[in-house]
Structures are given as C-alpha cells and as structure tokens.
C-alpha atoms as a PDB file:
ATOM      1  CA  MET A   1     127.489 123.024  45.352  1.00  0.00           C
ATOM      2  CA  ALA A   2     127.407 120.877  48.761  1.00  0.00           C
ATOM      3  CA  ALA A   3     126.577 117.145  47.632  1.00  0.00           C
ATOM      4  CA  CYS A   4     123.584 115.380  48.720  1.00  0.00           C
ATOM      5  CA  SER A   5     123.935 112.837  51.366  1.00  0.00           C
ATOM      6  CA  PRO A   6     122.553 109.350  50.346  1.00  0.00           C
ATOM      7  CA  PRO A   7     119.312 108.517  52.251  1.00  0.00           C
ATOM      8  CA  TYR A   8     120.535 105.780  53.980  1.00  0.00           C
ATOM      9  CA  LEU A   9     122.983 108.110  55.638  1.00  0.00           C
ATOM     10  CA  ASN A  10     119.865 110.366  55.992  1.00  0.00           C
ATOM     11  CA  MET A  11     118.231 107.732  58.106  1.00  0.00           C
ATOM     12  CA  ILE A  12     121.061 106.748  59.976  1.00  0.00           C
ATOM     13  CA  ASN A  13     121.457 110.589  61.376  1.00  0.00           C
ATOM     14  CA  ILE A  14     117.863 110.617  62.449  1.00  0.00           C
ATOM     15  CA  MET A  15     118.459 107.065  64.248  1.00  0.00           C
ATOM     16  CA  ILE A  16     121.471 108.631  66.078  1.00  0.00           C
ATOM     17  CA  LYS A  17     119.238 111.909  66.666  1.00  0.00           C
ATOM     18  CA  GLN A  18     116.402 109.998  68.367  1.00  0.00           C
ATOM     19  CA  LYS A  19     118.631 107.771  70.539  1.00  0.00           C
ATOM     20  CA  PHE A  20     120.641 110.822  71.904  1.00  0.00           C
ATOM     21  CA  THR A  21     117.603 112.384  72.875  1.00  0.00           C
ATOM     22  CA  LYS A  22     115.882 109.506  74.372  1.00  0.00           C
ATOM     23  CA  LEU A  23     119.113 109.219  76.640  1.00  0.00           C
ATOM     24  CA  PHE A  24     119.100 112.920  77.169  1.00  0.00           C
ATOM     25  CA  GLN A  25     115.089 112.662  78.326  1.00  0.00           C
ATOM     26  CA  LYS A  26     116.359 109.557  80.653  1.00  0.00           C
ATOM     27  CA  LYS A  27     118.723 111.369  82.312  1.00  0.00           C
ATOM     28  CA  GLN A  28     116.412 114.641  82.793  1.00  0.00           C
ATOM     29  CA  PRO A  29     115.422 114.918  86.440  1.00  0.00           C
ATOM     30  CA  GLU A  30     111.743 113.639  87.353  1.00  0.00           C
ATOM     31  CA  HIS A  31     109.246 115.797  89.040  1.00  0.00           C
ATOM     32  CA  THR A  32     109.697 115.527  92.602  1.00  0.00           C
ATOM     33  CA  SER A  33     107.803 117.313  95.528  1.00  0.00           C
ATOM     34  CA  ASN A  34     107.526 116.881  99.337  1.00  0.00           C
ATOM     35  CA  THR A  35     103.693 117.878  98.945  1.00  0.00           C
ATOM     36  CA  ASP A  36     101.171 115.214  99.369  1.00  0.00           C
ATOM     37  CA  PRO A  37      98.340 115.555  96.862  1.00  0.00           C
ATOM     38  CA  PHE A  38      95.492 117.895  97.750  1.00  0.00           C
ATOM     39  CA  VAL A  39      92.590 119.663  96.312  1.00  0.00           C
ATOM     40  CA  PHE A  40      92.136 123.076  95.680  1.00  0.00           C
ATOM     41  CA  VAL A  41      88.576 124.484  95.752  1.00  0.00           C
ATOM     42  CA  HIS A  42      89.021 127.811  94.129  1.00  0.00           C
ATOM     43  CA  ILE A  43      86.082 129.810  95.275  1.00  0.00           C
ATOM     44  CA  PRO A  44      85.756 132.996  92.560  1.00  0.00           C
ATOM     45  CA  LYS A  45      87.600 136.032  93.903  1.00  0.00           C
ATOM     46  CA  THR A  46      88.973 134.756  96.708  1.00  0.00           C
ATOM     47  CA  ALA A  47      92.793 135.226  95.567  1.00  0.00           C
ATOM     48  CA  GLY A  48      92.626 131.733  94.318  1.00  0.00           C
ATOM     49  CA  THR A  49      94.366 132.744  91.193  1.00  0.00           C
ATOM     50  CA  SER A  50      97.482 133.745  93.171  1.00  0.00           C
ATOM     51  CA  PHE A  51      97.388 130.515  94.952  1.00  0.00           C
ATOM     52  CA  ARG A  52      97.157 128.123  92.051  1.00  0.00           C
ATOM     53  CA  VAL A  53     100.032 129.922  90.375  1.00  0.00           C
ATOM     54  CA  ALA A  54     102.133 129.895  93.335  1.00  0.00           C
ATOM     55  CA  VAL A  55     101.405 126.085  93.469  1.00  0.00           C
ATOM     56  CA  GLN A  56     102.068 125.737  89.556  1.00  0.00           C
ATOM     57  CA  GLN A  57     105.553 126.821  90.018  1.00  0.00           C
ATOM     58  CA  HIS A  58     106.097 123.661  92.203  1.00  0.00           C
ATOM     59  CA  GLU A  59     103.415 121.281  91.555  1.00  0.00           C
ATOM     60  CA  SER A  60     102.112 119.177  88.614  1.00  0.00           C
ATOM     61  CA  VAL A  61      98.501 120.668  88.593  1.00  0.00           C
ATOM     62  CA  TYR A  62      95.515 119.405  87.122  1.00  0.00           C
ATOM     63  CA  CYS A  63      92.887 121.836  86.666  1.00  0.00           C
ATOM     64  CA  ASP A  64      89.093 121.816  86.409  1.00  0.00           C
ATOM     65  CA  TYR A  65      87.092 125.050  85.621  1.00  0.00           C
ATOM     66  CA  GLY A  66      84.059 123.649  83.729  1.00  0.00           C
ATOM     67  CA  LYS A  67      83.791 121.929  80.462  1.00  0.00           C
ATOM     68  CA  GLN A  68      84.423 124.990  78.109  1.00  0.00           C
ATOM     69  CA  SER A  69      87.123 126.801  80.147  1.00  0.00           C
ATOM     70  CA  GLU A  70      90.576 127.038  78.511  1.00  0.00           C
ATOM     71  CA  PHE A  71      92.179 126.482  82.077  1.00  0.00           C
ATOM     72  CA  THR A  72      90.945 122.842  82.381  1.00  0.00           C
ATOM     73  CA  SER A  73      93.359 120.244  81.987  1.00  0.00           C
ATOM     74  CA  PRO A  74      93.256 117.978  78.501  1.00  0.00           C
ATOM     75  CA  ASP A  75      93.080 114.889  81.307  1.00  0.00           C
ATOM     76  CA  VAL A  76      90.100 116.176  83.034  1.00  0.00           C
ATOM     77  CA  THR A  77      88.440 117.252  79.974  1.00  0.00           C
ATOM     78  CA  ALA A  78      88.987 113.559  78.436  1.00  0.00           C
ATOM     79  CA  TYR A  79      88.181 111.604  82.143  1.00  0.00           C
ATOM     80  CA  LEU A  80      85.289 113.918  83.379  1.00  0.00           C
ATOM     81  CA  TYR A  81      83.681 115.602  80.417  1.00  0.00           C
ATOM     82  CA  GLU A  82      84.105 113.311  77.417  1.00  0.00           C
ATOM     83  CA  THR A  83      83.729 109.720  79.611  1.00  0.00           C
ATOM     84  CA  SER A  84      82.641 110.627  83.138  1.00  0.00           C
ATOM     85  CA  ASN A  85      85.491 108.476  84.607  1.00  0.00           C
ATOM     86  CA  PHE A  86      86.411 109.843  88.175  1.00  0.00           C
ATOM     87  CA  TYR A  87      88.009 106.620  88.745  1.00  0.00           C
ATOM     88  CA  GLU A  88      90.301 106.727  85.947  1.00  0.00           C
ATOM     89  CA  LEU A  89      91.266 110.374  86.809  1.00  0.00           C
ATOM     90  CA  LYS A  90      91.884 109.582  90.600  1.00  0.00           C
ATOM     91  CA  GLN A  91      94.450 107.008  89.957  1.00  0.00           C
ATOM     92  CA  GLN A  92      96.115 109.680  87.206  1.00  0.00           C
ATOM     93  CA  ILE A  93      96.304 112.053  89.707  1.00  0.00           C
ATOM     94  CA  LEU A  94      97.064 110.180  92.691  1.00  0.00           C
ATOM     95  CA  LYS A  95      99.424 107.490  91.501  1.00  0.00           C
ATOM     96  CA  ARG A  96     101.024 108.760  88.745  1.00  0.00           C
ATOM     97  CA  LYS A  97     102.297 112.276  88.378  1.00  0.00           C
ATOM     98  CA  GLY A  98      99.644 114.696  89.992  1.00  0.00           C
ATOM     99  CA  GLU A  99     100.176 116.318  93.113  1.00  0.00           C
ATOM    100  CA  ALA A 100      97.092 119.077  92.947  1.00  0.00           C
ATOM    101  CA  LEU A 101      93.393 119.380  91.604  1.00  0.00           C
ATOM    102  CA  CYS A 102      92.118 122.895  91.289  1.00  0.00           C
ATOM    103  CA  GLY A 103      89.332 125.012  89.927  1.00  0.00           C
ATOM    104  CA  HIS A 104      85.704 125.931  90.495  1.00  0.00           C
ATOM    105  CA  PHE A 105      83.642 123.615  91.884  1.00  0.00           C
ATOM    106  CA  PRO A 106      81.981 122.310  95.395  1.00  0.00           C
ATOM    107  CA  ILE A 107      83.923 120.838  97.987  1.00  0.00           C
ATOM    108  CA  GLN A 108      82.084 117.466  97.710  1.00  0.00           C
ATOM    109  CA  ARG A 109      82.970 117.110  93.692  1.00  0.00           C
ATOM    110  CA  PHE A 110      86.527 115.646  94.633  1.00  0.00           C
ATOM    111  CA  ALA A 111      86.185 114.821  98.414  1.00  0.00           C
ATOM    112  CA  ASP A 112      87.641 111.414  98.076  1.00  0.00           C
ATOM    113  CA  PHE A 113      90.685 112.677  95.998  1.00  0.00           C
ATOM    114  CA  ALA A 114      92.901 114.031  99.220  1.00  0.00           C
ATOM    115  CA  PRO A 115      92.386 113.466 102.977  1.00  0.00           C
ATOM    116  CA  ILE A 116      90.214 115.971 104.376  1.00  0.00           C
ATOM    117  CA  THR A 117      93.420 117.594 105.997  1.00  0.00           C
ATOM    118  CA  HIS A 118      94.655 118.167 102.357  1.00  0.00           C
ATOM    119  CA  GLN A 119      91.054 119.884 101.138  1.00  0.00           C
ATOM    120  CA  VAL A 120      92.125 123.878 100.857  1.00  0.00           C
ATOM    121  CA  THR A 121      90.234 126.682  99.953  1.00  0.00           C
ATOM    122  CA  PHE A 122      90.123 130.501 100.862  1.00  0.00           C
ATOM    123  CA  VAL A 123      87.073 132.557 101.818  1.00  0.00           C
ATOM    124  CA  ARG A 124      86.608 136.282 101.590  1.00  0.00           C
ATOM    125  CA  GLU A 125      84.556 139.147 103.189  1.00  0.00           C
ATOM    126  CA  PRO A 126      81.272 138.463 101.491  1.00  0.00           C
ATOM    127  CA  ILE A 127      80.350 141.925 100.275  1.00  0.00           C
ATOM    128  CA  LYS A 128      83.837 142.889  98.922  1.00  0.00           C
ATOM    129  CA  ARG A 129      83.956 139.470  97.256  1.00  0.00           C
ATOM    130  CA  VAL A 130      80.493 139.520  95.399  1.00  0.00           C
ATOM    131  CA  ILE A 131      81.476 143.416  93.996  1.00  0.00           C
ATOM    132  CA  SER A 132      84.411 141.867  92.953  1.00  0.00           C
ATOM    133  CA  HIS A 133      82.981 138.992  91.457  1.00  0.00           C
ATOM    134  CA  TYR A 134      80.031 141.276  89.725  1.00  0.00           C
ATOM    135  CA  ASN A 135      82.946 143.732  88.157  1.00  0.00           C
ATOM    136  CA  HIS A 136      84.567 140.437  86.645  1.00  0.00           C
ATOM    137  CA  PHE A 137      81.563 139.331  85.162  1.00  0.00           C
ATOM    138  CA  VAL A 138      81.438 142.856  83.574  1.00  0.00           C
ATOM    139  CA  THR A 139      84.654 142.717  82.347  1.00  0.00           C
ATOM    140  CA  TYR A 140      85.180 139.215  81.055  1.00  0.00           C
ATOM    141  CA  ASN A 141      81.678 137.500  80.619  1.00  0.00           C
ATOM    142  CA  ASN A 142      79.918 140.825  79.206  1.00  0.00           C
ATOM    143  CA  PHE A 143      77.233 140.788  82.179  1.00  0.00           C
ATOM    144  CA  GLU A 144      75.105 143.509  81.404  1.00  0.00           C
ATOM    145  CA  GLY A 145      72.912 143.433  84.489  1.00  0.00           C
ATOM    146  CA  ASP A 146      73.007 145.884  87.469  1.00  0.00           C
ATOM    147  CA  LEU A 147      74.582 144.611  90.743  1.00  0.00           C
ATOM    148  CA  ILE A 148      71.361 143.710  92.523  1.00  0.00           C
ATOM    149  CA  SER A 149      70.393 141.355  89.316  1.00  0.00           C
ATOM    150  CA  PHE A 150      73.765 139.753  89.579  1.00  0.00           C
ATOM    151  CA  VAL A 151      73.929 139.286  93.424  1.00  0.00           C
ATOM    152  CA  LYS A 152      70.312 137.275  93.040  1.00  0.00           C
ATOM    153  CA  LYS A 153      71.980 134.688  90.574  1.00  0.00           C
ATOM    154  CA  HIS A 154      74.989 134.710  92.673  1.00  0.00           C
ATOM    155  CA  MET A 155      74.248 134.544  96.169  1.00  0.00           C
ATOM    156  CA  ASN A 156      76.078 132.836  99.308  1.00  0.00           C
ATOM    157  CA  VAL A 157      78.524 131.585  96.581  1.00  0.00           C
ATOM    158  CA  GLN A 158      81.114 130.390  99.442  1.00  0.00           C
ATOM    159  CA  SER A 159      78.785 128.461 101.581  1.00  0.00           C
ATOM    160  CA  ARG A 160      76.939 126.806  98.821  1.00  0.00           C
ATOM    161  CA  ALA A 161      80.762 125.553  97.560  1.00  0.00           C
ATOM    162  CA  LEU A 162      81.221 124.420 100.868  1.00  0.00           C
ATOM    163  CA  HIS A 163      77.863 123.518 102.830  1.00  0.00           C
ATOM    164  CA  VAL A 164      78.493 119.920 102.790  1.00  0.00           C
ATOM    165  CA  ILE A 165      81.323 119.512 105.374  1.00  0.00           C
ATOM    166  CA  PRO A 166      81.565 121.698 108.554  1.00  0.00           C
ATOM    167  CA  ILE A 167      84.066 124.585 108.157  1.00  0.00           C
ATOM    168  CA  GLU A 168      85.989 123.777 110.942  1.00  0.00           C
ATOM    169  CA  LEU A 169      86.839 120.163 109.648  1.00  0.00           C
ATOM    170  CA  ILE A 170      88.170 121.733 106.471  1.00  0.00           C
ATOM    171  CA  GLY A 171      91.865 121.090 106.025  1.00  0.00           C
ATOM    172  CA  GLN A 172      93.470 124.447 105.159  1.00  0.00           C
ATOM    173  CA  LEU A 173      91.313 127.269 105.028  1.00  0.00           C
ATOM    174  CA  GLY A 174      92.614 130.662 104.142  1.00  0.00           C
ATOM    175  CA  ILE A 175      91.343 133.999 104.358  1.00  0.00           C
ATOM    176  CA  THR A 176      91.819 136.284 101.465  1.00  0.00           C
ATOM    177  CA  GLU A 177      92.301 139.535 104.035  1.00  0.00           C
ATOM    178  CA  TYR A 178      95.084 137.264 105.686  1.00  0.00           C
ATOM    179  CA  TYR A 179      96.629 136.132 102.645  1.00  0.00           C
ATOM    180  CA  ALA A 180      99.863 135.847 103.687  1.00  0.00           C
ATOM    181  CA  GLU A 181      99.061 134.314 107.367  1.00  0.00           C
ATOM    182  CA  SER A 182      96.953 131.676 105.798  1.00  0.00           C
ATOM    183  CA  LEU A 183      99.873 130.806 103.258  1.00  0.00           C
ATOM    184  CA  ASN A 184     101.941 130.163 106.304  1.00  0.00           C
ATOM    185  CA  LEU A 185      99.467 127.968 107.864  1.00  0.00           C
ATOM    186  CA  ILE A 186      98.924 126.087 104.639  1.00  0.00           C
ATOM    187  CA  ASN A 187     102.487 125.485 103.720  1.00  0.00           C
ATOM    188  CA  ASN A 188     103.013 124.099 107.235  1.00  0.00           C
ATOM    189  CA  GLY A 189     100.102 121.877 106.962  1.00  0.00           C
ATOM    190  CA  LEU A 190     100.934 120.706 103.165  1.00  0.00           C
ATOM    191  CA  ASN A 191     104.794 120.347 104.149  1.00  0.00           C
ATOM    192  CA  SER A 192     104.987 122.783 101.166  1.00  0.00           C
ATOM    193  CA  GLN A 193     106.913 126.130 100.325  1.00  0.00           C
ATOM    194  CA  TYR A 194     104.665 128.296  98.159  1.00  0.00           C
ATOM    195  CA  VAL A 195     105.376 131.808  97.813  1.00  0.00           C
ATOM    196  CA  ALA A 196     102.716 135.314  97.843  1.00  0.00           C
ATOM    197  CA  LEU A 197     102.047 135.796  94.138  1.00  0.00           C
ATOM    198  CA  THR A 198      99.481 138.500  93.236  1.00  0.00           C
ATOM    199  CA  HIS A 199      97.522 137.677  89.959  1.00  0.00           C
ATOM    200  CA  ASN A 200      94.310 138.490  88.321  1.00  0.00           C
ATOM    201  CA  VAL A 201      93.616 141.351  90.354  1.00  0.00           C
ATOM    202  CA  LYS A 202      93.414 144.013  87.591  1.00  0.00           C
ATOM    203  CA  THR A 203      89.738 143.713  86.686  1.00  0.00           C
ATOM    204  CA  GLN A 204      87.897 146.981  86.189  1.00  0.00           C
ATOM    205  CA  ASN A 205      85.883 148.346  88.903  1.00  0.00           C
ATOM    206  CA  HIS A 206      82.439 149.146  87.426  1.00  0.00           C
ATOM    207  CA  ILE A 207      81.299 149.626  91.151  1.00  0.00           C
ATOM    208  CA  ASP A 208      83.076 150.330  94.453  1.00  0.00           C
ATOM    209  CA  GLU A 209      81.800 149.048  97.927  1.00  0.00           C
ATOM    210  CA  LEU A 210      81.928 152.894  98.626  1.00  0.00           C
ATOM    211  CA  GLN A 211      79.460 153.693  96.056  1.00  0.00           C
ATOM    212  CA  LEU A 212      76.584 151.544  97.942  1.00  0.00           C
ATOM    213  CA  ASN A 213      73.879 153.243  99.534  1.00  0.00           C
ATOM    214  CA  ASP A 214      72.248 152.054 102.720  1.00  0.00           C
ATOM    215  CA  GLU A 215      69.619 150.194 101.050  1.00  0.00           C
ATOM    216  CA  ARG A 216      71.825 148.228  98.161  1.00  0.00           C
ATOM    217  CA  LEU A 217      74.099 147.376 101.218  1.00  0.00           C
ATOM    218  CA  GLN A 218      71.490 145.883 103.036  1.00  0.00           C
ATOM    219  CA  THR A 219      70.245 143.942 100.002  1.00  0.00           C
ATOM    220  CA  LEU A 220      73.835 142.553  99.496  1.00  0.00           C
ATOM    221  CA  GLN A 221      73.863 141.619 103.184  1.00  0.00           C
ATOM    222  CA  GLN A 222      70.395 139.999 103.009  1.00  0.00           C
ATOM    223  CA  HIS A 223      71.327 137.469 100.020  1.00  0.00           C
ATOM    224  CA  ASN A 224      74.410 136.606 101.494  1.00  0.00           C
ATOM    225  CA  GLN A 225      73.964 135.786 105.044  1.00  0.00           C
ATOM    226  CA  ASP A 226      74.839 132.211 104.907  1.00  0.00           C
ATOM    227  CA  ASP A 227      78.293 133.493 103.521  1.00  0.00           C
ATOM    228  CA  ILE A 228      78.433 136.244 106.149  1.00  0.00           C
ATOM    229  CA  MET A 229      78.081 133.484 109.137  1.00  0.00           C
ATOM    230  CA  LEU A 230      80.809 131.372 107.378  1.00  0.00           C
ATOM    231  CA  TYR A 231      83.098 134.195 107.097  1.00  0.00           C
ATOM    232  CA  GLN A 232      82.823 135.148 110.736  1.00  0.00           C
ATOM    233  CA  LYS A 233      83.424 131.519 111.279  1.00  0.00           C
ATOM    234  CA  ALA A 234      86.262 131.082 109.456  1.00  0.00           C
ATOM    235  CA  ILE A 235      88.075 134.542 110.860  1.00  0.00           C
ATOM    236  CA  ALA A 236      87.518 132.971 114.644  1.00  0.00           C
ATOM    237  CA  LEU A 237      88.990 129.646 113.500  1.00  0.00           C
ATOM    238  CA  HIS A 238      92.135 131.707 111.520  1.00  0.00           C
ATOM    239  CA  GLN A 239      92.522 133.663 114.717  1.00  0.00           C
ATOM    240  CA  GLN A 240      92.660 130.614 116.850  1.00  0.00           C
ATOM    241  CA  ARG A 241      94.879 128.806 114.428  1.00  0.00           C
ATOM    242  CA  VAL A 242      97.432 131.539 114.156  1.00  0.00           C
ATOM    243  CA  ALA A 243      97.751 131.713 118.265  1.00  0.00           C
ATOM    244  CA  LEU A 244      98.360 127.885 118.148  1.00  0.00           C
ATOM    245  CA  PHE A 245     100.763 128.312 115.547  1.00  0.00           C
ATOM    246  CA  GLU A 246     102.907 130.822 117.173  1.00  0.00           C
ATOM    247  CA  GLU A 247     103.188 128.510 120.282  1.00  0.00           C
ATOM    248  CA  GLN A 248     104.008 125.504 118.249  1.00  0.00           C
ATOM    249  CA  LYS A 249     101.144 123.494 119.238  1.00  0.00           C
ATOM    250  CA  GLU A 250      99.482 120.899 116.748  1.00  0.00           C
ATOM    251  CA  TRP A 251      96.234 121.938 115.336  1.00  0.00           C
ATOM    252  CA  THR A 252      93.347 119.639 116.378  1.00  0.00           C
ATOM    253  CA  TYR A 253      90.242 119.564 113.964  1.00  0.00           C
ATOM    254  CA  ILE A 254      86.704 119.741 116.015  1.00  0.00           C
ATOM    255  CA  HIS A 255      83.118 119.659 115.415  1.00  0.00           C
ATOM    256  CA  ALA A 256      80.427 119.103 117.960  1.00  0.00           C
ATOM    257  CA  LYS A 257      76.520 119.452 118.487  1.00  0.00           C
ATOM    258  CA  VAL A 258      74.136 118.447 120.934  1.00  0.00           C
ATOM    259  CA  ASN A 259      71.209 116.878 119.879  1.00  0.00           C
ATOM    260  CA  ASP A 260      67.754 116.579 120.725  1.00  0.00           C
ATOM    261  CA  ASN A 261      68.413 113.743 123.528  1.00  0.00           C
ATOM    262  CA  HIS A 262      70.949 116.229 125.104  1.00  0.00           C
ATOM    263  CA  VAL A 263      73.728 114.082 123.969  1.00  0.00           C
ATOM    264  CA  ILE A 264      77.355 115.820 122.946  1.00  0.00           C
ATOM    265  CA  HIS A 265      78.401 114.251 119.519  1.00  0.00           C
ATOM    266  CA  GLY A 266      80.969 115.218 116.873  1.00  0.00           C
ATOM    267  CA  CYS A 267      84.755 114.241 115.838  1.00  0.00           C
ATOM    268  CA  ALA A 268      88.263 115.197 116.617  1.00  0.00           C
ATOM    269  CA  PHE A 269      91.555 114.783 115.205  1.00  0.00           C
ATOM    270  CA  TYR A 270      95.110 116.100 115.037  1.00  0.00           C
ATOM    271  CA  GLN A 271      96.444 117.857 111.873  1.00  0.00           C
ATOM    272  CA  ARG A 272      99.362 114.981 111.777  1.00  0.00           C
ATOM    273  CA  SER A 273      99.400 112.820 115.025  1.00  0.00           C
ATOM    274  CA  PRO A 274      97.621 109.451 114.589  1.00  0.00           C
ATOM    275  CA  ASP A 275      96.797 109.304 118.339  1.00  0.00           C
ATOM    276  CA  PRO A 276      93.524 109.813 119.374  1.00  0.00           C
ATOM    277  CA  VAL A 277      92.177 113.354 120.838  1.00  0.00           C
ATOM    278  CA  GLN A 278      91.522 113.771 124.363  1.00  0.00           C
ATOM    279  CA  LEU A 279      89.198 115.944 125.316  1.00  0.00           C
ATOM    280  CA  ASP A 280      87.539 117.837 128.496  1.00  0.00           C
ATOM    281  CA  VAL A 281      84.438 119.296 128.373  1.00  0.00           C
ATOM    282  CA  TYR A 282      83.324 121.984 130.334  1.00  0.00           C
ATOM    283  CA  ILE A 283      79.687 123.044 131.416  1.00  0.00           C
ATOM    284  CA  ASN A 284      78.905 126.484 132.355  1.00  0.00           C
ATOM    285  CA  GLY A 285      82.831 127.076 132.903  1.00  0.00           C
ATOM    286  CA  ASN A 286      82.883 123.957 135.073  1.00  0.00           C
ATOM    287  CA  PHE A 287      85.032 120.772 134.126  1.00  0.00           C
ATOM    288  CA  ILE A 288      82.845 117.893 134.175  1.00  0.00           C
ATOM    289  CA  ARG A 289      85.025 114.745 132.670  1.00  0.00           C
ATOM    290  CA  SER A 290      87.338 113.882 130.090  1.00  0.00           C
ATOM    291  CA  PHE A 291      86.872 111.451 127.054  1.00  0.00           C
ATOM    292  CA  MET A 292      88.629 110.353 124.112  1.00  0.00           C
ATOM    293  CA  ALA A 293      87.624 110.796 120.164  1.00  0.00           C
ATOM    294  CA  ASN A 294      88.090 107.218 119.233  1.00  0.00           C
ATOM    295  CA  GLN A 295      84.529 105.789 118.139  1.00  0.00           C
ATOM    296  CA  PHE A 296      83.812 105.557 114.693  1.00  0.00           C
ATOM    297  CA  TYR A 297      82.545 108.585 112.845  1.00  0.00           C
ATOM    298  CA  GLY A 298      79.886 107.716 109.957  1.00  0.00           C
ATOM    299  CA  LEU A 299      78.966 111.308 108.551  1.00  0.00           C
ATOM    300  CA  HIS A 300      80.312 112.657 105.513  1.00  0.00           C
ATOM    301  CA  PRO A 301      81.236 109.297 104.107  1.00  0.00           C
ATOM    302  CA  LYS A 302      82.571 110.536 100.629  1.00  0.00           C
ATOM    303  CA  PHE A 303      85.499 112.709 102.822  1.00  0.00           C
ATOM    304  CA  ILE A 304      88.738 110.798 103.655  1.00  0.00           C
ATOM    305  CA  PHE A 305      89.470 111.396 107.420  1.00  0.00           C
ATOM    306  CA  PRO A 306      92.672 110.273 109.429  1.00  0.00           C
ATOM    307  CA  ARG A 307      92.407 107.273 111.869  1.00  0.00           C
ATOM    308  CA  ASP A 308      90.071 105.144 109.692  1.00  0.00           C
ATOM    309  CA  ARG A 309      87.434 107.369 111.078  1.00  0.00           C
ATOM    310  CA  TYR A 310      87.919 106.366 114.415  1.00  0.00           C
ATOM    311  CA  ILE A 311      87.638 109.980 115.670  1.00  0.00           C
ATOM    312  CA  ALA A 312      84.075 110.442 116.916  1.00  0.00           C
ATOM    313  CA  PHE A 313      82.596 110.952 120.643  1.00  0.00           C
ATOM    314  CA  ARG A 314      79.537 110.506 122.422  1.00  0.00           C
ATOM    315  CA  TYR A 315      78.653 112.196 125.810  1.00  0.00           C
ATOM    316  CA  GLU A 316      75.606 112.263 127.466  1.00  0.00           C
ATOM    317  CA  ILE A 317      74.990 115.479 129.575  1.00  0.00           C
ATOM    318  CA  PRO A 318      73.963 114.533 132.860  1.00  0.00           C
ATOM    319  CA  LYS A 319      70.406 115.150 133.925  1.00  0.00           C
ATOM    320  CA  HIS A 320      70.824 117.784 136.094  1.00  0.00           C
ATOM    321  CA  PHE A 321      72.246 120.025 134.082  1.00  0.00           C
ATOM    322  CA  ILE A 322      69.146 119.773 131.787  1.00  0.00           C
ATOM    323  CA  GLY A 323      67.531 123.423 131.544  1.00  0.00           C
ATOM    324  CA  LEU A 324      70.481 125.071 133.293  1.00  0.00           C
ATOM    325  CA  ILE A 325      72.792 124.793 130.416  1.00  0.00           C
ATOM    326  CA  ASP A 326      74.528 128.606 129.510  1.00  0.00           C
ATOM    327  CA  THR A 327      78.110 127.288 127.775  1.00  0.00           C
ATOM    328  CA  ILE A 328      79.306 124.013 126.934  1.00  0.00           C
ATOM    329  CA  GLU A 329      83.086 123.995 125.748  1.00  0.00           C
ATOM    330  CA  LEU A 330      85.441 121.260 124.931  1.00  0.00           C
ATOM    331  CA  ARG A 331      89.141 121.544 125.220  1.00  0.00           C
ATOM    332  CA  VAL A 332      91.981 119.485 123.807  1.00  0.00           C
ATOM    333  CA  VAL A 333      93.885 118.344 126.883  1.00  0.00           C
ATOM    334  CA  SER A 334      97.145 118.133 125.218  1.00  0.00           C
ATOM    335  CA  THR A 335      97.112 121.996 123.815  1.00  0.00           C
ATOM    336  CA  GLN A 336      94.308 123.621 125.713  1.00  0.00           C
ATOM    337  CA  GLN A 337      92.472 124.735 122.248  1.00  0.00           C
ATOM    338  CA  ASN A 338      89.010 125.351 122.859  1.00  0.00           C
ATOM    339  CA  TYR A 339      85.637 124.598 120.926  1.00  0.00           C
ATOM    340  CA  VAL A 340      82.553 126.216 122.016  1.00  0.00           C
ATOM    341  CA  ILE A 341      79.560 124.268 120.881  1.00  0.00           C
ATOM    342  CA  THR A 342      76.778 126.266 119.948  1.00  0.00           C
ATOM    343  CA  GLN A 343      73.195 125.477 121.174  1.00  0.00           C
END
C-alpha cells in the first residue's frame, strides 16, 4: 500500500504545477493576423456560413446572431443584450483581440466598428435565395406556412439589410454564384488568405425553383423587386471589379447622383491609396472636364470613410446641356474605371 503524501507536499506539488502552467502559457504564441478588423453582414442563405467558418480558421471572431442564438458570442451577449453597451464591445473588438464581427444584422448596426472598405457581405440571386431561406425555415424552424406566405413576411431581405448605404460603396461585396472569384477579391481587399469552404448546404428541399409555375414565380419577383435591382447592380460591379483586378489596377469606390439643380454630387475613394481620386466627366460621350474628389463628404455619418471624409465632389452641369443629356459618365483618370450616373 502506497504511503500518503503529507498535506504540505501536496500543496507544493500544486504550486509547482501552477507555476509551470503559467510559464507554459506565456510561451504560447499570441494570436496574430495581418487582417485588419472587419464586419461581416451575414445575409441568410448567401453562403455566409461557409465564409464565417473560413474566417474562424484564421481570426478571432465575435458573432451576433441574435439574443437567443447559440452562435452569438458571450461577449456580444454581455455587452449588447445585457447592458446595451456598444462602445465597450467596440473597444473589445478593435483594441484587444478581435479581428472580425459576423452575424445576421443590418449593415448600419456596426457601421462604425470598421472602415467602409472593411464592411463585407455576400448577395445572391433573389429567387434562389428566398427559396433556400424558405426550405431552411421549414426544416429548422418548423415553419408550416406555404412559400407565398413566407415570402410576404421575408421580402427584400438583402436590400433591407444594406439599404442605408449605396451598394457601390460597400467595401467587400461578394456574389454567392461567383463565390471563388468573390473570395479572391475579398482576400485582396482584406489582406487575408481565406479558402473556399462549403457549410450549411444540406437543407432539405421542400420546394424547388423548377416546381414554381409562372404565377408563383411572378409573385416572388413582385415581392422582391428591390432585391432583384440590387443583385443586378452587384453583378455589374463584380464583373467590373474582376476585370480591373486581372489588370492589376486598384479599385475605386464611386457613388454619384444628379440633383434637381442639375449638380453632379457624390464621392470617390481608392481601396488602398490615400490620394484623392481625379475624375473625368463625360456627357453624351463627350469629355467635359476633370475634377478632384477632395471635398468633405457628410452623408452616411455612422460609416468610416478614408481621408477623414475628404472624398466628395460637386460639379454643376453647364446650362447649355440641360434638356439634351442622354448619358453622364465618370472615369477615374488613373485606371479608366467608369461609372455611369443613372438619372
């Protein structure tokens, strides 16, 4: 029978074990990443889970999927749902250990947690997305209604999540149908190395797009017109962005409108360069003049823009063009990237 150790020896052994444990822990490599903090707006059924899991392999990720969700991080629950302290959560994420904040929330919610160039989201073809969303709700949320009743409660989900900011200003805009291409662009924009993964795609198909008759399909389209228009813009932006990426040219974010006083106004900024963007304006295909996007931009106040917001421009259209304008186009002088202003 083994002799029992005196109590003081047990205490010494415990102290030694704790000492070596602390020394070992100090030698562990701290979390390091070249990726600056970013916010990922995870729109349901757009391959967002696959992207989030890819991020979690490299970064410290805080999740906000709602107060009751098992995926919501404890810190988010404590700071937001128990004390409603956005400021402290922001300090936690930006200044201590967090690199990403992901979840089902509108882009406005955490707009000031990362620069606009580090706001990330994916969008998907609206009809496919809403059908996938319906199948998910039937499988996992015990939804018992039909597709049309579901659509009436969940219409334009994508545009409602993003509507507070023009889509052309969202830093990293992925397309579900072009996931690999989108991931390349996002990796380039975030200085990251995420790999394409596939998660959360095994939802049972209670209904398929091919099963829709013309009347039901038309109903889905009518209730998702905003999403359809947003997706069309996103596809055009994606194609243009891929083309410039392949030419190794820097992307320029541009947004512009013409107001009732016939003034072109908007903003433009590079993805990386701090220099002001020089733009050429063309009316009806004819070069008119150049100007710099270096004025103060006061719109969308919660978002963080480059150059301390000195990214705006304003140009009054000459009076002799009024009533004769077919097209207005802006071109970035350094890259020839073009932006057509819709009137």
